[in-house]
Amino acid sequence: MTKIFLIIIAATALFLTGCQNPVAPTETPLAAEASTAPDEIRLTAAQVSRAGIETGSFSARALSETLSATAELVVGKEHSAIVSAFADGAVSELRVSLNQTVQRGAVVAMMRKPDLLDLQQQYLENKNQLAFLQTEFERYQALSKADATASKNSQRAESELRAAQTTGKVLAAKLRQYQINPDRLDADHLKTELPLIAPVSGTVTRIHASAGTALAPGTPVCEIVDFSQLHPVIFVFEQDIFRVQNGQKVWLNFPAEPSKAFTAKVYNIERTVDADRKAVRVHARFDATPPANWIAGAYVDARIELSGNAPATALPKEAIIREGEADYIFIEVKTSATETIFRKVKVRSGATDGTFTAVTPETTLPANAKIALKGAYYISAQGAGIEVEE
């Protein structure tokens, strides 16, 4: 009984002691950061430094709006030719070689045509007959004044003379078709070969015949292309064609050399849509003669200037971020030794020269606003919660 009483006393003492020294409850610290607006992004000073973020303001740049398209180098059919046989015969001599430059009027080949002698014989015989008929006509005309019979003979002589003259003119025209001058033709200068003439100046791009090849009328012998008339044909989609007009400047470069650009001017816009490309063909002419090593059929990148070089407020391309269907920039709202706050601003992009782009903010910016010129992508990624390797 005594033990039980002592235990109760000890428990009571412990209880009273605990009441006098209660254990303090654990406290949960409250967040110290201030709330950030939805369009604002908070970066620490360390993040700003590691990302290389630089701020600045707009630049005044002379920019023009351009339309990008693909183009092909071509030579118009009016500056190329196929030299072909205009009569039957055979090639007796080929005077050109592949890639050779020829001038308009040069002889590219000789064609043998033995039956050409018959035409020349007919012409010379008719020419001799004309002299006799002319004498007969004049004699009968003199006699016709005194003799009725002589008058009939005079009429017949005149008819034969007129017929011979017509025949002579027809034969002379045929000879000229074969490049034979009838005024210089005589029995000592008969021809059995015909020259095939280059109708345009240019480069021989293809040879279809060789010495001894039998030719029929229209058989091709060689092809000539004037590469000095090489020009770009730009393929513009229907929805953009109304923005293109003659006289606009075009910048062109080969995909393998994007840094080297050539200039041209639009001079002709076709009125139909190319069925294969579903685009309108726009012709331009180079400002300078194209290099000799350029080839027809090569593809190039083209940019058509749609407006003049008007001064515009511009930013480096890397300062503009594309999110969805809109463009944005970031301006500095507040900065301290520990952090910087940026705000996202929606803008409209305009003309570009490949390095700077004209932009127009959709809202009024504060005076002397500091714009993130470098590191905009990093700011955008942090705002979206994307981890970026710095």
Protein backbone atom coordinates (compact mmCIF):
# COMPACT_ATOMS: atom_id res chain seq x y z
CA MET A 1 0.00 0.00 0.00
CA THR A 2 2.81 2.35 0.84
CA LYS A 3 4.54 1.56 -2.57
CA ILE A 4 1.40 2.38 -4.50
CA PHE A 5 1.07 5.70 -2.70
CA LEU A 6 4.70 6.65 -3.48
CA ILE A 7 4.22 5.87 -7.22
CA ILE A 8 1.17 8.12 -7.37
CA ILE A 9 3.09 10.97 -5.72
CA ALA A 10 5.98 10.62 -8.20
CA ALA A 11 3.65 10.67 -11.22
CA THR A 12 1.89 13.73 -9.87
CA ALA A 13 5.21 15.51 -9.45
CA LEU A 14 6.25 14.74 -13.01
CA PHE A 15 2.94 16.03 -14.35
CA LEU A 16 3.23 19.29 -12.44
CA THR A 17 6.81 19.75 -13.65
CA GLY A 18 5.72 19.31 -17.27
CA CYS A 19 3.03 21.95 -16.89
CA GLN A 20 5.55 24.44 -15.61
CA ASN A 21 7.95 23.90 -18.65
CA PRO A 22 5.86 23.42 -21.82
CA VAL A 23 7.67 22.53 -25.18
CA ALA A 24 7.54 25.40 -27.72
CA PRO A 25 5.77 24.42 -30.98
CA THR A 26 7.72 24.31 -34.28
CA GLU A 27 7.20 27.47 -36.41
CA THR A 28 6.83 27.34 -40.29
CA PRO A 29 8.64 30.31 -41.94
CA LEU A 30 6.59 32.42 -44.39
CA ALA A 31 7.84 33.03 -48.00
CA ALA A 32 9.67 36.30 -48.19
CA GLU A 33 9.49 36.77 -51.99
CA ALA A 34 7.07 39.30 -53.33
CA SER A 35 4.56 38.14 -55.90
CA THR A 36 5.44 38.57 -59.62
CA ALA A 37 2.97 39.63 -62.35
CA PRO A 38 2.14 36.99 -65.02
CA ASP A 39 4.08 38.84 -67.71
CA GLU A 40 7.11 39.47 -65.49
CA ILE A 41 10.12 37.20 -65.07
CA ARG A 42 12.44 37.39 -62.06
CA LEU A 43 16.12 36.48 -62.52
CA THR A 44 18.88 36.48 -59.94
CA ALA A 45 22.00 38.52 -60.50
CA ALA A 46 23.93 35.27 -60.99
CA GLN A 47 21.52 34.15 -63.75
CA VAL A 48 21.80 37.50 -65.53
CA SER A 49 25.56 37.27 -65.45
CA ARG A 50 25.80 33.65 -66.57
CA ALA A 51 23.33 34.15 -69.46
CA GLY A 52 25.22 37.21 -70.73
CA ILE A 53 22.09 39.34 -70.79
CA GLU A 54 22.70 42.82 -72.15
CA THR A 55 20.21 45.67 -72.29
CA GLY A 56 19.95 48.70 -74.54
CA SER A 57 17.50 50.67 -76.64
CA PHE A 58 16.16 50.81 -80.20
CA SER A 59 18.42 51.60 -83.14
CA ALA A 60 17.47 53.73 -86.14
CA ARG A 61 18.05 51.56 -89.19
CA ALA A 62 17.26 51.96 -92.89
CA LEU A 63 15.40 48.72 -93.52
CA SER A 64 13.10 47.46 -96.24
CA GLU A 65 10.45 44.78 -96.07
CA THR A 66 11.34 41.77 -98.19
CA LEU A 67 9.52 38.76 -99.60
CA SER A 68 11.47 35.49 -99.56
CA ALA A 69 11.10 33.08 -102.46
CA THR A 70 12.98 30.53 -104.53
CA ALA A 71 14.32 31.29 -108.00
CA GLU A 72 15.81 29.49 -110.97
CA LEU A 73 18.42 30.78 -113.42
CA VAL A 74 17.12 30.54 -116.99
CA VAL A 75 17.81 31.80 -120.49
CA GLY A 76 14.74 32.81 -122.49
CA LYS A 77 13.97 30.95 -125.69
CA GLU A 78 14.47 34.19 -127.59
CA HIS A 79 18.17 34.03 -126.62
CA SER A 80 18.77 30.42 -127.65
CA ALA A 81 18.62 28.64 -131.00
CA ILE A 82 18.69 25.22 -132.62
CA VAL A 83 20.67 25.18 -135.87
CA SER A 84 18.91 22.70 -138.15
CA ALA A 85 18.94 21.64 -141.80
CA PHE A 86 16.55 23.57 -144.03
CA ALA A 87 16.90 21.03 -146.85
CA ASP A 88 17.90 17.42 -147.33
CA GLY A 89 21.58 16.62 -147.59
CA ALA A 90 24.53 15.45 -145.52
CA VAL A 91 26.99 17.16 -143.16
CA SER A 92 30.25 17.62 -145.01
CA GLU A 93 32.05 19.62 -142.29
CA LEU A 94 31.32 20.50 -138.65
CA ARG A 95 33.04 23.74 -137.70
CA VAL A 96 32.14 24.04 -133.99
CA SER A 97 32.84 22.05 -130.83
CA LEU A 98 31.02 21.68 -127.54
CA ASN A 99 31.17 24.78 -125.28
CA GLN A 100 32.66 26.86 -128.07
CA THR A 101 31.62 30.52 -128.27
CA VAL A 102 30.23 31.59 -131.65
CA GLN A 103 28.99 34.87 -133.05
CA ARG A 104 25.75 35.47 -134.86
CA GLY A 105 26.22 34.81 -138.59
CA ALA A 106 29.14 32.40 -138.11
CA VAL A 107 29.14 29.15 -140.12
CA VAL A 108 28.69 26.22 -137.73
CA ALA A 109 28.57 23.46 -140.38
CA MET A 110 28.61 22.81 -144.13
CA MET A 111 25.92 20.66 -145.74
CA ARG A 112 26.42 18.88 -149.06
CA LYS A 113 23.42 18.98 -151.42
CA PRO A 114 24.27 17.64 -154.92
CA ASP A 115 20.85 18.39 -156.44
CA LEU A 116 21.50 22.06 -155.76
CA LEU A 117 23.20 22.10 -159.17
CA ASP A 118 19.84 21.59 -160.90
CA LEU A 119 18.42 24.75 -159.36
CA GLN A 120 21.47 26.78 -160.35
CA GLN A 121 21.31 25.37 -163.91
CA GLN A 122 17.67 26.38 -164.24
CA TYR A 123 18.43 29.87 -163.05
CA LEU A 124 21.35 30.38 -165.45
CA GLU A 125 19.41 28.97 -168.43
CA ASN A 126 16.46 31.21 -167.65
CA LYS A 127 18.80 34.18 -167.31
CA ASN A 128 20.24 33.51 -170.79
CA GLN A 129 16.76 33.02 -172.23
CA LEU A 130 15.68 36.37 -170.83
CA ALA A 131 18.23 38.17 -172.99
CA PHE A 132 16.92 36.52 -176.16
CA LEU A 133 13.26 37.12 -175.26
CA GLN A 134 13.98 40.77 -174.50
CA THR A 135 15.53 41.21 -178.00
CA GLU A 136 12.63 39.42 -179.71
CA PHE A 137 10.07 41.53 -177.89
CA GLU A 138 11.78 44.77 -178.90
CA ARG A 139 12.03 43.64 -182.60
CA TYR A 140 8.37 42.64 -182.87
CA GLN A 141 7.31 45.81 -181.13
CA ALA A 142 9.10 47.87 -183.81
CA LEU A 143 7.46 45.90 -186.65
CA SER A 144 3.97 45.94 -185.14
CA LYS A 145 3.37 49.55 -186.23
CA ALA A 146 3.28 48.57 -189.93
CA ASP A 147 2.22 44.91 -189.87
CA ALA A 148 -0.80 43.34 -188.12
CA THR A 149 0.89 39.93 -188.05
CA ALA A 150 3.93 41.43 -186.39
CA SER A 151 1.59 42.93 -183.77
CA LYS A 152 0.43 39.44 -182.73
CA ASN A 153 4.02 38.23 -182.60
CA SER A 154 4.87 41.20 -180.41
CA GLN A 155 2.14 40.31 -177.94
CA ARG A 156 3.33 36.70 -177.81
CA ALA A 157 6.94 37.80 -177.31
CA GLU A 158 5.89 40.11 -174.49
CA SER A 159 3.99 37.26 -172.77
CA GLU A 160 6.97 34.92 -173.01
CA LEU A 161 9.27 37.65 -171.67
CA ARG A 162 7.03 38.33 -168.67
CA ALA A 163 6.82 34.60 -167.89
CA ALA A 164 10.59 34.23 -168.08
CA GLN A 165 11.06 37.23 -165.82
CA THR A 166 8.68 35.74 -163.24
CA THR A 167 10.47 32.40 -163.41
CA GLY A 168 13.80 34.15 -162.95
CA LYS A 169 12.59 35.97 -159.83
CA VAL A 170 11.25 32.75 -158.31
CA LEU A 171 14.51 30.87 -158.99
CA ALA A 172 16.52 33.78 -157.56
CA ALA A 173 14.43 33.70 -154.36
CA LYS A 174 15.04 29.94 -154.00
CA LEU A 175 18.79 30.48 -154.40
CA ARG A 176 18.78 33.13 -151.68
CA GLN A 177 17.11 30.62 -149.33
CA TYR A 178 20.21 28.47 -149.83
CA GLN A 179 22.51 31.45 -149.10
CA ILE A 180 23.47 31.75 -152.80
CA ASN A 181 23.61 35.27 -154.24
CA PRO A 182 22.02 35.03 -157.72
CA ASP A 183 23.70 38.26 -158.85
CA ARG A 184 27.12 36.63 -158.41
CA LEU A 185 26.22 33.24 -159.81
CA ASP A 186 27.76 32.08 -163.07
CA ALA A 187 28.81 28.79 -164.66
CA ASP A 188 32.29 29.01 -163.11
CA HIS A 189 31.05 29.43 -159.51
CA LEU A 190 28.48 26.71 -158.96
CA LYS A 191 27.94 25.44 -155.41
CA THR A 192 27.17 21.96 -154.06
CA GLU A 193 27.50 22.82 -150.35
CA LEU A 194 25.38 25.03 -148.14
CA PRO A 195 26.49 26.83 -144.96
CA LEU A 196 24.46 26.42 -141.75
CA ILE A 197 24.54 29.78 -139.96
CA ALA A 198 24.35 30.61 -136.24
CA PRO A 199 21.23 32.78 -135.77
CA VAL A 200 22.35 34.06 -132.32
CA SER A 201 25.61 34.67 -130.49
CA GLY A 202 26.36 32.35 -127.61
CA THR A 203 27.84 29.05 -126.50
CA VAL A 204 27.38 25.71 -128.22
CA THR A 205 25.64 23.60 -125.58
CA ARG A 206 24.79 20.49 -127.60
CA ILE A 207 25.84 18.85 -130.87
CA HIS A 208 23.42 16.50 -132.58
CA ALA A 209 25.26 15.61 -135.82
CA SER A 210 28.74 14.82 -137.06
CA ALA A 211 30.44 14.78 -140.46
CA GLY A 212 28.59 12.42 -142.78
CA THR A 213 25.26 12.57 -140.93
CA ALA A 214 22.34 12.45 -143.36
CA LEU A 215 19.97 15.35 -142.85
CA ALA A 216 16.30 15.85 -143.57
CA PRO A 217 14.62 19.25 -143.40
CA GLY A 218 14.39 20.23 -139.71
CA THR A 219 17.08 17.82 -138.46
CA PRO A 220 18.98 19.57 -135.60
CA VAL A 221 22.73 19.96 -135.94
CA CYS A 222 23.62 21.90 -132.77
CA GLU A 223 22.16 24.16 -130.08
CA ILE A 224 23.41 27.62 -129.08
CA VAL A 225 22.58 29.51 -125.87
CA ASP A 226 23.45 33.12 -125.09
CA PHE A 227 24.36 32.89 -121.39
CA SER A 228 24.91 36.64 -121.17
CA GLN A 229 21.08 36.78 -121.06
CA LEU A 230 20.92 34.47 -118.03
CA HIS A 231 18.36 35.83 -115.58
CA PRO A 232 16.49 34.67 -112.47
CA VAL A 233 12.87 33.57 -112.59
CA ILE A 234 11.36 33.98 -109.11
CA PHE A 235 8.41 31.83 -108.07
CA VAL A 236 5.94 33.92 -106.04
CA PHE A 237 2.81 32.43 -104.50
CA GLU A 238 -0.56 33.79 -105.57
CA GLN A 239 -1.34 35.43 -102.21
CA ASP A 240 1.87 37.53 -102.43
CA ILE A 241 1.93 38.42 -106.13
CA PHE A 242 -0.06 41.64 -105.65
CA ARG A 243 2.86 42.99 -103.57
CA VAL A 244 5.35 42.55 -106.42
CA GLN A 245 5.79 45.08 -109.22
CA ASN A 246 8.28 45.97 -111.94
CA GLY A 247 11.36 47.86 -110.82
CA GLN A 248 11.62 46.29 -107.37
CA LYS A 249 15.09 45.26 -106.22
CA VAL A 250 15.90 41.59 -105.74
CA TRP A 251 18.67 40.08 -103.63
CA LEU A 252 19.87 36.63 -104.72
CA ASN A 253 22.38 34.19 -103.30
CA PHE A 254 23.31 30.57 -103.81
CA PRO A 255 22.48 28.26 -100.86
CA ALA A 256 26.14 27.20 -100.76
CA GLU A 257 27.27 30.86 -100.41
CA PRO A 258 24.63 32.62 -98.30
CA SER A 259 26.97 35.51 -97.45
CA LYS A 260 27.54 36.50 -101.10
CA ALA A 261 24.53 38.31 -102.62
CA PHE A 262 23.79 39.51 -106.16
CA THR A 263 21.26 42.17 -107.10
CA ALA A 264 18.67 42.30 -109.86
CA LYS A 265 15.48 44.20 -110.75
CA VAL A 266 12.04 42.86 -111.58
CA TYR A 267 11.12 43.61 -115.20
CA ASN A 268 8.32 41.20 -116.10
CA ILE A 269 5.52 39.44 -114.20
CA GLU A 270 3.70 36.64 -115.99
CA ARG A 271 -0.08 36.66 -116.07
CA THR A 272 -0.59 32.93 -115.51
CA VAL A 273 0.18 30.49 -112.69
CA ASP A 274 2.86 27.85 -113.22
CA ALA A 275 0.89 24.60 -113.01
CA ASP A 276 3.81 22.59 -111.61
CA ARG A 277 4.88 25.02 -108.89
CA LYS A 278 1.49 26.61 -108.14
CA ALA A 279 3.22 29.99 -108.28
CA VAL A 280 3.57 32.98 -110.59
CA ARG A 281 6.83 33.37 -112.51
CA VAL A 282 8.48 36.76 -111.94
CA HIS A 283 11.41 37.68 -114.22
CA ALA A 284 14.30 39.83 -113.03
CA ARG A 285 17.41 41.17 -114.74
CA PHE A 286 20.85 41.20 -113.08
CA ASP A 287 22.38 44.62 -112.41
CA ALA A 288 25.75 43.28 -113.63
CA THR A 289 26.66 40.65 -116.19
CA PRO A 290 26.56 37.24 -114.48
CA PRO A 291 29.86 35.33 -114.14
CA ALA A 292 30.76 33.01 -117.01
CA ASN A 293 30.65 29.89 -114.82
CA TRP A 294 26.96 30.25 -113.91
CA ILE A 295 24.69 27.63 -115.41
CA ALA A 296 21.07 27.62 -116.50
CA GLY A 297 18.78 25.56 -114.28
CA ALA A 298 20.59 26.41 -111.03
CA TYR A 299 18.40 27.29 -108.05
CA VAL A 300 19.02 30.35 -105.86
CA ASP A 301 17.39 32.00 -102.85
CA ALA A 302 15.67 35.31 -103.56
CA ARG A 303 14.43 38.24 -101.48
CA ILE A 304 12.27 40.87 -103.20
CA GLU A 305 12.33 44.35 -101.63
CA LEU A 306 8.72 45.40 -101.15
CA SER A 307 9.42 48.88 -99.75
CA GLY A 308 12.18 51.47 -99.79
CA ASN A 309 14.94 51.86 -97.23
CA ALA A 310 12.90 53.99 -94.81
CA PRO A 311 14.38 54.64 -91.34
CA ALA A 312 12.79 52.37 -88.71
CA THR A 313 13.14 51.56 -85.01
CA ALA A 314 14.96 48.25 -85.04
CA LEU A 315 16.41 45.65 -82.70
CA PRO A 316 18.86 42.80 -83.23
CA LYS A 317 17.08 39.64 -84.41
CA GLU A 318 18.16 37.80 -81.24
CA ALA A 319 16.25 40.34 -79.11
CA ILE A 320 12.93 39.15 -80.59
CA ILE A 321 11.33 35.91 -79.40
CA ARG A 322 8.67 34.06 -81.32
CA GLU A 323 6.05 32.44 -79.10
CA GLY A 324 3.18 30.83 -80.95
CA GLU A 325 1.97 33.28 -83.60
CA ALA A 326 3.30 36.43 -81.90
CA ASP A 327 6.64 38.18 -81.38
CA TYR A 328 7.85 39.51 -78.03
CA ILE A 329 10.70 41.48 -76.49
CA PHE A 330 11.71 41.88 -72.83
CA ILE A 331 12.20 45.19 -71.03
CA GLU A 332 13.86 45.69 -67.68
CA VAL A 333 11.33 46.67 -65.00
CA LYS A 334 13.45 46.68 -61.85
CA THR A 335 17.00 45.77 -60.98
CA SER A 336 19.00 45.50 -57.76
CA ALA A 337 22.20 43.97 -56.53
CA THR A 338 20.49 40.59 -56.12
CA GLU A 339 17.90 40.33 -58.89
CA THR A 340 16.41 41.81 -62.06
CA ILE A 341 12.77 41.73 -63.18
CA PHE A 342 11.90 41.68 -66.90
CA ARG A 343 8.50 42.19 -68.49
CA LYS A 344 7.40 40.57 -71.74
CA VAL A 345 6.05 43.01 -74.35
CA LYS A 346 4.25 42.01 -77.54
CA VAL A 347 5.56 43.62 -80.75
CA ARG A 348 4.93 43.59 -84.49
CA SER A 349 7.95 42.68 -86.64
CA GLY A 350 8.58 44.36 -89.96
CA ALA A 351 11.41 44.72 -92.45
CA THR A 352 14.75 43.03 -91.81
CA ASP A 353 18.23 43.05 -93.30
CA GLY A 354 19.13 39.69 -91.81
CA THR A 355 20.74 41.19 -88.69
CA PHE A 356 18.31 43.86 -87.48
CA THR A 357 14.52 43.77 -87.62
CA ALA A 358 12.09 46.68 -87.44
CA VAL A 359 9.68 46.29 -84.50
CA THR A 360 6.65 48.21 -83.27
CA PRO A 361 5.50 47.61 -79.65
CA GLU A 362 1.75 47.10 -79.31
CA THR A 363 1.81 49.01 -76.01
CA THR A 364 3.53 52.24 -75.07
CA LEU A 365 6.90 51.60 -73.45
CA PRO A 366 8.27 53.67 -70.57
CA ALA A 367 10.62 56.46 -71.51
CA ASN A 368 14.22 55.25 -71.85
CA ALA A 369 13.09 51.62 -71.47
CA LYS A 370 15.96 49.15 -71.26
CA ILE A 371 15.43 46.29 -73.71
CA ALA A 372 17.12 42.89 -73.48
CA LEU A 373 19.28 42.92 -76.62
CA LYS A 374 21.06 39.67 -75.76
CA GLY A 375 19.78 36.71 -73.78
CA ALA A 376 16.10 37.09 -74.69
CA TYR A 377 15.80 33.38 -75.36
CA TYR A 378 17.15 32.60 -71.87
CA ILE A 379 14.65 34.99 -70.27
CA SER A 380 11.80 33.42 -72.25
CA ALA A 381 12.89 29.91 -71.23
CA GLN A 382 13.07 30.84 -67.56
CA GLY A 383 9.62 32.33 -67.75
CA ALA A 384 8.30 29.08 -69.24
CA GLY A 385 10.09 26.99 -66.60
CA ILE A 386 12.47 25.42 -69.13
CA GLU A 387 15.95 24.53 -67.91
CA VAL A 388 18.56 26.15 -70.11
CA GLU A 389 22.18 25.12 -70.12
CA GLU A 390 24.11 28.30 -69.44
